[in-house]
Amino acid sequence: MKRIGLLGGIGPASTRLYYDLLVDRARRLSGHSPEVVLFSLDFELFTHFENTNDVAYVDMIVDGCRVLLDAGADVLAMAANSPHAQFDTVVAEVGRPLVHIAEAVCSQAAMLGVERPLLLGIPVTLRSAFYREIGQRHGLEVQIPDPADHDLLRRVVFEELTHGRIRPASRDDLLALLVDRPVDGLILGCTELTLLIEQGHVHVPVLDSTSIHVDAILAAASTPSTSPPLSEGSS
């Protein structure tokens, strides 16, 4: 298996889950633990740049990816959804493909027959078009919560989940966004949301971006080196 380079810390809680899932699933698949190089970013600084300075934001991501490459990583992935809004720029500057989280999620949704999933995520992800554009290529019509609900998602993620706080009342608030919507799936488009919402909580298929991304990373790490690059398509 190729050496996996994981850009994490965005946020720390979901990065821990990424690592646990990578090790557990690799062992079940191959009987061996994967080689994982982890570079954890300063979450608070990352979030500040994400909201205020696109140039510094991309530079931070690119620098992290280069640290992973210098450490011998063969397969790169960002352990978060929102930085994929800058995916094409990052790939161009790093000069290497990355495993795209939304590509993996939308592919899985199409395989399940989902056509109109509701996307939950932080405001940066919801404002960006990458999930909708990739979804269209897979025959999906990705739905976005109303702008008035974006602050609820921001609060639950940044004030609760990134600090390890799991509140059933917040889960109820988020699941209420599904009520009276003509949707047939739910995309957990923030890697922390898997800490709060599971399939048993919802009547439609749950597309957990963390879990699906981990499987895609392991698939890429198991691909022979002579295979074509992972994906350099636009987001």
C-alpha atoms as a PDB file:
ATOM      1  CA  MET A   1       0.000   0.000   0.000  1.00  0.00           C
ATOM      2  CA  LYS A   2       1.245   3.485  -0.856  1.00  0.00           C
ATOM      3  CA  ARG A   3       2.117   5.944   1.884  1.00  0.00           C
ATOM      4  CA  ILE A   4      -0.858   8.189   2.700  1.00  0.00           C
ATOM      5  CA  GLY A   5      -0.359  11.910   3.359  1.00  0.00           C
ATOM      6  CA  LEU A   6      -3.221  13.440   5.315  1.00  0.00           C
ATOM      7  CA  LEU A   7      -3.591  17.193   5.734  1.00  0.00           C
ATOM      8  CA  GLY A   8      -5.504  17.447   8.979  1.00  0.00           C
ATOM      9  CA  GLY A   9      -6.291  19.621  11.939  1.00  0.00           C
ATOM     10  CA  ILE A  10      -9.234  21.108  10.053  1.00  0.00           C
ATOM     11  CA  GLY A  11     -10.563  20.291  12.589  1.00  0.00           C
ATOM     12  CA  PRO A  12      -8.680  18.060  15.023  1.00  0.00           C
ATOM     13  CA  ALA A  13     -11.727  16.029  16.124  1.00  0.00           C
ATOM     14  CA  SER A  14     -12.481  14.697  12.650  1.00  0.00           C
ATOM     15  CA  THR A  15      -8.776  14.193  11.889  1.00  0.00           C
ATOM     16  CA  ARG A  16      -8.567  11.756  14.786  1.00  0.00           C
ATOM     17  CA  LEU A  17     -11.510   9.893  13.283  1.00  0.00           C
ATOM     18  CA  TYR A  18      -9.845   9.839   9.848  1.00  0.00           C
ATOM     19  CA  TYR A  19      -6.748   8.216  11.323  1.00  0.00           C
ATOM     20  CA  ASP A  20      -8.721   5.609  13.282  1.00  0.00           C
ATOM     21  CA  LEU A  21     -10.809   4.714  10.225  1.00  0.00           C
ATOM     22  CA  LEU A  22      -7.788   4.502   7.919  1.00  0.00           C
ATOM     23  CA  VAL A  23      -6.001   2.101  10.253  1.00  0.00           C
ATOM     24  CA  ASP A  24      -9.058  -0.009  11.057  1.00  0.00           C
ATOM     25  CA  ARG A  25     -10.231  -0.392   7.460  1.00  0.00           C
ATOM     26  CA  ALA A  26      -6.760  -1.007   6.056  1.00  0.00           C
ATOM     27  CA  ARG A  27      -6.227  -3.790   8.580  1.00  0.00           C
ATOM     28  CA  ARG A  28      -9.541  -5.381   7.639  1.00  0.00           C
ATOM     29  CA  LEU A  29      -8.751  -5.093   3.932  1.00  0.00           C
ATOM     30  CA  SER A  30      -5.133  -6.216   3.930  1.00  0.00           C
ATOM     31  CA  GLY A  31      -4.174  -7.371   7.394  1.00  0.00           C
ATOM     32  CA  HIS A  32      -1.659  -4.519   7.612  1.00  0.00           C
ATOM     33  CA  SER A  33      -1.696  -1.012   9.047  1.00  0.00           C
ATOM     34  CA  PRO A  34      -1.230   1.754   6.473  1.00  0.00           C
ATOM     35  CA  GLU A  35       1.708   4.116   6.468  1.00  0.00           C
ATOM     36  CA  VAL A  36       0.166   7.505   7.269  1.00  0.00           C
ATOM     37  CA  VAL A  37       1.955  10.843   7.346  1.00  0.00           C
ATOM     38  CA  LEU A  38      -0.182  13.442   9.134  1.00  0.00           C
ATOM     39  CA  PHE A  39       0.396  17.182   9.071  1.00  0.00           C
ATOM     40  CA  SER A  40      -2.035  18.981  11.361  1.00  0.00           C
ATOM     41  CA  LEU A  41      -2.702  22.643  10.572  1.00  0.00           C
ATOM     42  CA  ASP A  42      -3.437  25.392  13.096  1.00  0.00           C
ATOM     43  CA  PHE A  43      -7.240  25.189  12.990  1.00  0.00           C
ATOM     44  CA  GLU A  44      -7.866  28.694  14.284  1.00  0.00           C
ATOM     45  CA  LEU A  45      -5.453  30.315  11.834  1.00  0.00           C
ATOM     46  CA  PHE A  46      -6.751  28.152   8.988  1.00  0.00           C
ATOM     47  CA  THR A  47     -10.339  29.227   9.733  1.00  0.00           C
ATOM     48  CA  HIS A  48      -9.308  32.877   9.959  1.00  0.00           C
ATOM     49  CA  PHE A  49      -7.658  32.751   6.534  1.00  0.00           C
ATOM     50  CA  GLU A  50     -10.571  30.781   5.094  1.00  0.00           C
ATOM     51  CA  ASN A  51     -12.874  33.673   5.906  1.00  0.00           C
ATOM     52  CA  THR A  52     -10.569  36.625   5.262  1.00  0.00           C
ATOM     53  CA  ASN A  53      -7.597  35.936   2.962  1.00  0.00           C
ATOM     54  CA  ASP A  54      -7.804  33.530   0.015  1.00  0.00           C
ATOM     55  CA  VAL A  55      -4.111  33.887  -0.865  1.00  0.00           C
ATOM     56  CA  ALA A  56      -2.873  33.075   2.652  1.00  0.00           C
ATOM     57  CA  TYR A  57      -5.471  30.303   2.866  1.00  0.00           C
ATOM     58  CA  VAL A  58      -4.252  28.560  -0.288  1.00  0.00           C
ATOM     59  CA  ASP A  59      -0.615  29.095   0.699  1.00  0.00           C
ATOM     60  CA  MET A  60      -1.292  27.378   4.041  1.00  0.00           C
ATOM     61  CA  ILE A  61      -2.876  24.372   2.326  1.00  0.00           C
ATOM     62  CA  VAL A  62      -0.139  24.122  -0.311  1.00  0.00           C
ATOM     63  CA  ASP A  63       2.634  24.403   2.274  1.00  0.00           C
ATOM     64  CA  GLY A  64       1.009  21.601   4.259  1.00  0.00           C
ATOM     65  CA  CYS A  65       0.801  19.380   1.187  1.00  0.00           C
ATOM     66  CA  ARG A  66       4.468  20.000   0.433  1.00  0.00           C
ATOM     67  CA  VAL A  67       5.382  18.965   3.977  1.00  0.00           C
ATOM     68  CA  LEU A  68       3.551  15.687   3.339  1.00  0.00           C
ATOM     69  CA  LEU A  69       5.344  15.157   0.026  1.00  0.00           C
ATOM     70  CA  ASP A  70       8.707  15.899   1.634  1.00  0.00           C
ATOM     71  CA  ALA A  71       7.866  13.189   4.180  1.00  0.00           C
ATOM     72  CA  GLY A  72       7.412  10.673   1.376  1.00  0.00           C
ATOM     73  CA  ALA A  73       3.633  10.653   0.954  1.00  0.00           C
ATOM     74  CA  ASP A  74       2.391   9.055  -2.265  1.00  0.00           C
ATOM     75  CA  VAL A  75      -1.343   9.760  -1.891  1.00  0.00           C
ATOM     76  CA  LEU A  76      -2.553  13.160  -0.681  1.00  0.00           C
ATOM     77  CA  ALA A  77      -5.879  14.128   0.847  1.00  0.00           C
ATOM     78  CA  MET A  78      -7.315  17.062   2.775  1.00  0.00           C
ATOM     79  CA  ALA A  79      -9.291  15.873   5.815  1.00  0.00           C
ATOM     80  CA  ALA A  80     -12.042  18.463   5.408  1.00  0.00           C
ATOM     81  CA  ASN A  81     -14.667  19.506   2.873  1.00  0.00           C
ATOM     82  CA  SER A  82     -14.352  23.292   2.703  1.00  0.00           C
ATOM     83  CA  PRO A  83     -10.773  23.520   1.327  1.00  0.00           C
ATOM     84  CA  HIS A  84     -11.962  21.611  -1.730  1.00  0.00           C
ATOM     85  CA  ALA A  85     -13.439  24.930  -2.858  1.00  0.00           C
ATOM     86  CA  GLN A  86      -9.802  25.716  -3.764  1.00  0.00           C
ATOM     87  CA  PHE A  87      -9.048  22.224  -5.098  1.00  0.00           C
ATOM     88  CA  ASP A  88      -7.941  23.171  -8.610  1.00  0.00           C
ATOM     89  CA  THR A  89      -5.628  25.914  -7.360  1.00  0.00           C
ATOM     90  CA  VAL A  90      -4.095  23.620  -4.749  1.00  0.00           C
ATOM     91  CA  VAL A  91      -3.501  20.811  -7.260  1.00  0.00           C
ATOM     92  CA  ALA A  92      -1.917  23.230  -9.725  1.00  0.00           C
ATOM     93  CA  GLU A  93       0.467  24.640  -7.112  1.00  0.00           C
ATOM     94  CA  VAL A  94       1.315  21.312  -5.456  1.00  0.00           C
ATOM     95  CA  GLY A  95       1.803  19.613  -8.810  1.00  0.00           C
ATOM     96  CA  ARG A  96       0.242  16.373  -7.587  1.00  0.00           C
ATOM     97  CA  PRO A  97      -3.328  15.037  -7.577  1.00  0.00           C
ATOM     98  CA  LEU A  98      -5.346  14.778  -4.369  1.00  0.00           C
ATOM     99  CA  VAL A  99      -8.244  12.474  -3.517  1.00  0.00           C
ATOM    100  CA  HIS A 100     -11.317  14.712  -3.888  1.00  0.00           C
ATOM    101  CA  ILE A 101     -13.875  14.306  -1.110  1.00  0.00           C
ATOM    102  CA  ALA A 102     -16.876  15.562  -3.106  1.00  0.00           C
ATOM    103  CA  GLU A 103     -16.028  13.370  -6.089  1.00  0.00           C
ATOM    104  CA  ALA A 104     -16.091  10.332  -3.808  1.00  0.00           C
ATOM    105  CA  VAL A 105     -19.329  11.402  -2.093  1.00  0.00           C
ATOM    106  CA  CYS A 106     -21.219  12.201  -5.291  1.00  0.00           C
ATOM    107  CA  SER A 107     -20.060   8.964  -6.914  1.00  0.00           C
ATOM    108  CA  GLN A 108     -21.364   7.011  -3.917  1.00  0.00           C
ATOM    109  CA  ALA A 109     -24.663   8.915  -4.000  1.00  0.00           C
ATOM    110  CA  ALA A 110     -25.173   8.049  -7.658  1.00  0.00           C
ATOM    111  CA  MET A 111     -24.403   4.373  -6.954  1.00  0.00           C
ATOM    112  CA  LEU A 112     -27.121   4.398  -4.277  1.00  0.00           C
ATOM    113  CA  GLY A 113     -29.647   5.929  -6.668  1.00  0.00           C
ATOM    114  CA  VAL A 114     -29.805   9.220  -4.777  1.00  0.00           C
ATOM    115  CA  GLU A 115     -30.851  12.118  -7.013  1.00  0.00           C
ATOM    116  CA  ARG A 116     -31.641  15.133  -4.778  1.00  0.00           C
ATOM    117  CA  PRO A 117     -29.467  15.063  -1.644  1.00  0.00           C
ATOM    118  CA  LEU A 118     -29.431  17.888   0.886  1.00  0.00           C
ATOM    119  CA  LEU A 119     -25.927  19.153   1.626  1.00  0.00           C
ATOM    120  CA  LEU A 120     -25.064  20.094   5.205  1.00  0.00           C
ATOM    121  CA  GLY A 121     -21.785  21.895   5.817  1.00  0.00           C
ATOM    122  CA  ILE A 122     -20.194  25.089   7.026  1.00  0.00           C
ATOM    123  CA  PRO A 123     -21.114  28.332   5.218  1.00  0.00           C
ATOM    124  CA  VAL A 124     -17.920  28.310   3.110  1.00  0.00           C
ATOM    125  CA  THR A 125     -18.861  24.904   1.681  1.00  0.00           C
ATOM    126  CA  LEU A 126     -22.484  25.863   1.162  1.00  0.00           C
ATOM    127  CA  ARG A 127     -21.568  29.077  -0.674  1.00  0.00           C
ATOM    128  CA  SER A 128     -19.114  27.286  -2.938  1.00  0.00           C
ATOM    129  CA  ALA A 129     -20.337  25.545  -6.079  1.00  0.00           C
ATOM    130  CA  PHE A 130     -18.056  22.503  -6.016  1.00  0.00           C
ATOM    131  CA  TYR A 131     -20.568  20.015  -4.587  1.00  0.00           C
ATOM    132  CA  ARG A 132     -23.283  21.157  -6.976  1.00  0.00           C
ATOM    133  CA  GLU A 133     -20.974  21.081 -10.006  1.00  0.00           C
ATOM    134  CA  ILE A 134     -19.545  17.655  -9.225  1.00  0.00           C
ATOM    135  CA  GLY A 135     -23.028  16.429  -8.340  1.00  0.00           C
ATOM    136  CA  GLN A 136     -24.299  17.480 -11.770  1.00  0.00           C
ATOM    137  CA  ARG A 137     -21.620  15.368 -13.432  1.00  0.00           C
ATOM    138  CA  HIS A 138     -22.975  12.395 -11.485  1.00  0.00           C
ATOM    139  CA  GLY A 139     -26.612  13.154 -12.263  1.00  0.00           C
ATOM    140  CA  LEU A 140     -27.357  14.733  -8.879  1.00  0.00           C
ATOM    141  CA  GLU A 141     -29.240  17.913  -8.034  1.00  0.00           C
ATOM    142  CA  VAL A 142     -27.542  18.848  -4.763  1.00  0.00           C
ATOM    143  CA  GLN A 143     -29.796  20.918  -2.517  1.00  0.00           C
ATOM    144  CA  ILE A 144     -28.493  23.677  -0.220  1.00  0.00           C
ATOM    145  CA  PRO A 145     -30.088  24.817   3.073  1.00  0.00           C
ATOM    146  CA  ASP A 146     -31.681  28.245   3.093  1.00  0.00           C
ATOM    147  CA  PRO A 147     -29.237  31.099   3.831  1.00  0.00           C
ATOM    148  CA  ALA A 148     -31.049  31.719   7.111  1.00  0.00           C
ATOM    149  CA  ASP A 149     -29.951  28.249   8.277  1.00  0.00           C
ATOM    150  CA  HIS A 150     -26.250  28.695   7.493  1.00  0.00           C
ATOM    151  CA  ASP A 151     -25.484  30.267  10.861  1.00  0.00           C
ATOM    152  CA  LEU A 152     -27.017  27.266  12.636  1.00  0.00           C
ATOM    153  CA  LEU A 153     -24.566  24.996  10.833  1.00  0.00           C
ATOM    154  CA  ARG A 154     -21.683  27.336  11.613  1.00  0.00           C
ATOM    155  CA  ARG A 155     -22.579  27.372  15.298  1.00  0.00           C
ATOM    156  CA  VAL A 156     -22.982  23.605  15.610  1.00  0.00           C
ATOM    157  CA  VAL A 157     -19.684  22.899  13.855  1.00  0.00           C
ATOM    158  CA  PHE A 158     -17.438  25.623  15.220  1.00  0.00           C
ATOM    159  CA  GLU A 159     -18.858  26.132  18.701  1.00  0.00           C
ATOM    160  CA  GLU A 160     -19.674  22.504  19.466  1.00  0.00           C
ATOM    161  CA  LEU A 161     -18.307  19.707  17.287  1.00  0.00           C
ATOM    162  CA  THR A 162     -14.786  21.059  16.792  1.00  0.00           C
ATOM    163  CA  HIS A 163     -14.553  21.138  20.597  1.00  0.00           C
ATOM    164  CA  GLY A 164     -15.910  17.602  20.966  1.00  0.00           C
ATOM    165  CA  ARG A 165     -19.306  18.747  22.238  1.00  0.00           C
ATOM    166  CA  ILE A 166     -22.108  16.475  21.076  1.00  0.00           C
ATOM    167  CA  ARG A 167     -25.594  17.894  21.727  1.00  0.00           C
ATOM    168  CA  PRO A 168     -28.684  15.863  20.753  1.00  0.00           C
ATOM    169  CA  ALA A 169     -30.655  19.121  20.599  1.00  0.00           C
ATOM    170  CA  SER A 170     -28.335  20.373  17.861  1.00  0.00           C
ATOM    171  CA  ARG A 171     -28.846  17.129  15.953  1.00  0.00           C
ATOM    172  CA  ASP A 172     -32.594  17.702  16.116  1.00  0.00           C
ATOM    173  CA  ASP A 173     -32.139  21.254  14.827  1.00  0.00           C
ATOM    174  CA  LEU A 174     -30.119  20.047  11.848  1.00  0.00           C
ATOM    175  CA  LEU A 175     -32.427  17.175  10.994  1.00  0.00           C
ATOM    176  CA  ALA A 176     -35.347  19.596  11.042  1.00  0.00           C
ATOM    177  CA  LEU A 177     -33.833  21.065   7.863  1.00  0.00           C
ATOM    178  CA  LEU A 178     -34.980  17.904   6.069  1.00  0.00           C
ATOM    179  CA  VAL A 179     -38.634  18.439   6.941  1.00  0.00           C
ATOM    180  CA  ASP A 180     -40.888  19.254   3.963  1.00  0.00           C
ATOM    181  CA  ARG A 181     -37.957  19.194   1.544  1.00  0.00           C
ATOM    182  CA  PRO A 182     -38.196  16.987  -1.572  1.00  0.00           C
ATOM    183  CA  VAL A 183     -34.833  15.314  -0.933  1.00  0.00           C
ATOM    184  CA  ASP A 184     -33.823  11.654  -1.047  1.00  0.00           C
ATOM    185  CA  GLY A 185     -30.423  11.769   0.655  1.00  0.00           C
ATOM    186  CA  LEU A 186     -28.329  13.696   3.171  1.00  0.00           C
ATOM    187  CA  ILE A 187     -24.703  14.662   2.536  1.00  0.00           C
ATOM    188  CA  LEU A 188     -22.713  15.253   5.706  1.00  0.00           C
ATOM    189  CA  GLY A 189     -20.520  17.775   3.918  1.00  0.00           C
ATOM    190  CA  CYS A 190     -18.478  18.639   6.978  1.00  0.00           C
ATOM    191  CA  THR A 191     -16.179  15.990   8.403  1.00  0.00           C
ATOM    192  CA  GLU A 192     -17.254  16.850  11.972  1.00  0.00           C
ATOM    193  CA  LEU A 193     -20.928  16.141  11.284  1.00  0.00           C
ATOM    194  CA  THR A 194     -20.292  12.399  11.392  1.00  0.00           C
ATOM    195  CA  LEU A 195     -19.741  12.877  15.122  1.00  0.00           C
ATOM    196  CA  LEU A 196     -23.380  13.985  15.468  1.00  0.00           C
ATOM    197  CA  ILE A 197     -25.492  12.338  12.752  1.00  0.00           C
ATOM    198  CA  GLU A 198     -25.697   8.640  11.839  1.00  0.00           C
ATOM    199  CA  GLN A 199     -27.836   6.638   9.431  1.00  0.00           C
ATOM    200  CA  GLY A 200     -30.155   5.574  12.236  1.00  0.00           C
ATOM    201  CA  HIS A 201     -31.152   9.186  12.843  1.00  0.00           C
ATOM    202  CA  VAL A 202     -32.490   9.790   9.307  1.00  0.00           C
ATOM    203  CA  HIS A 203     -35.052   8.201   7.004  1.00  0.00           C
ATOM    204  CA  VAL A 204     -33.023   8.845   3.817  1.00  0.00           C
ATOM    205  CA  PRO A 205     -29.533   7.545   2.917  1.00  0.00           C
ATOM    206  CA  VAL A 206     -26.785   9.370   4.810  1.00  0.00           C
ATOM    207  CA  LEU A 207     -23.660  10.117   2.780  1.00  0.00           C
ATOM    208  CA  ASP A 208     -20.970  10.529   5.417  1.00  0.00           C
ATOM    209  CA  SER A 209     -18.160  12.428   3.701  1.00  0.00           C
ATOM    210  CA  THR A 210     -15.573  11.324   6.282  1.00  0.00           C
ATOM    211  CA  SER A 211     -16.265   7.618   5.881  1.00  0.00           C
ATOM    212  CA  ILE A 212     -16.603   7.786   2.096  1.00  0.00           C
ATOM    213  CA  HIS A 213     -13.415   9.830   1.765  1.00  0.00           C
ATOM    214  CA  VAL A 214     -11.464   7.328   3.861  1.00  0.00           C
ATOM    215  CA  ASP A 215     -12.554   4.508   1.545  1.00  0.00           C
ATOM    216  CA  ALA A 216     -11.506   6.556  -1.505  1.00  0.00           C
ATOM    217  CA  ILE A 217      -8.109   7.316   0.042  1.00  0.00           C
ATOM    218  CA  LEU A 218      -7.500   3.646   0.766  1.00  0.00           C
ATOM    219  CA  ALA A 219      -8.592   2.708  -2.756  1.00  0.00           C
ATOM    220  CA  ALA A 220      -6.109   5.216  -4.174  1.00  0.00           C
ATOM    221  CA  ALA A 221      -3.370   3.957  -1.866  1.00  0.00           C
ATOM    222  CA  SER A 222      -4.021   0.405  -3.044  1.00  0.00           C
ATOM    223  CA  THR A 223      -3.793   1.300  -6.740  1.00  0.00           C
ATOM    224  CA  PRO A 224      -0.562   0.205  -8.480  1.00  0.00           C
ATOM    225  CA  SER A 225       1.820   3.065  -9.214  1.00  0.00           C
ATOM    226  CA  THR A 226       1.520   2.435 -12.941  1.00  0.00           C
ATOM    227  CA  SER A 227      -2.169   3.398 -12.867  1.00  0.00           C
ATOM    228  CA  PRO A 228      -3.367   6.819 -14.134  1.00  0.00           C
ATOM    229  CA  PRO A 229      -3.421   9.744 -11.671  1.00  0.00           C
ATOM    230  CA  LEU A 230      -6.292   9.912  -9.182  1.00  0.00           C
ATOM    231  CA  SER A 231      -8.187  12.972 -10.372  1.00  0.00           C
ATOM    232  CA  GLU A 232      -7.199  16.385 -11.536  1.00  0.00           C
ATOM    233  CA  GLY A 233     -10.622  17.384 -12.790  1.00  0.00           C
ATOM    234  CA  SER A 234     -12.094  20.738 -11.949  1.00  0.00           C
ATOM    235  CA  SER A 235     -14.340  21.170  -8.950  1.00  0.00           C
END
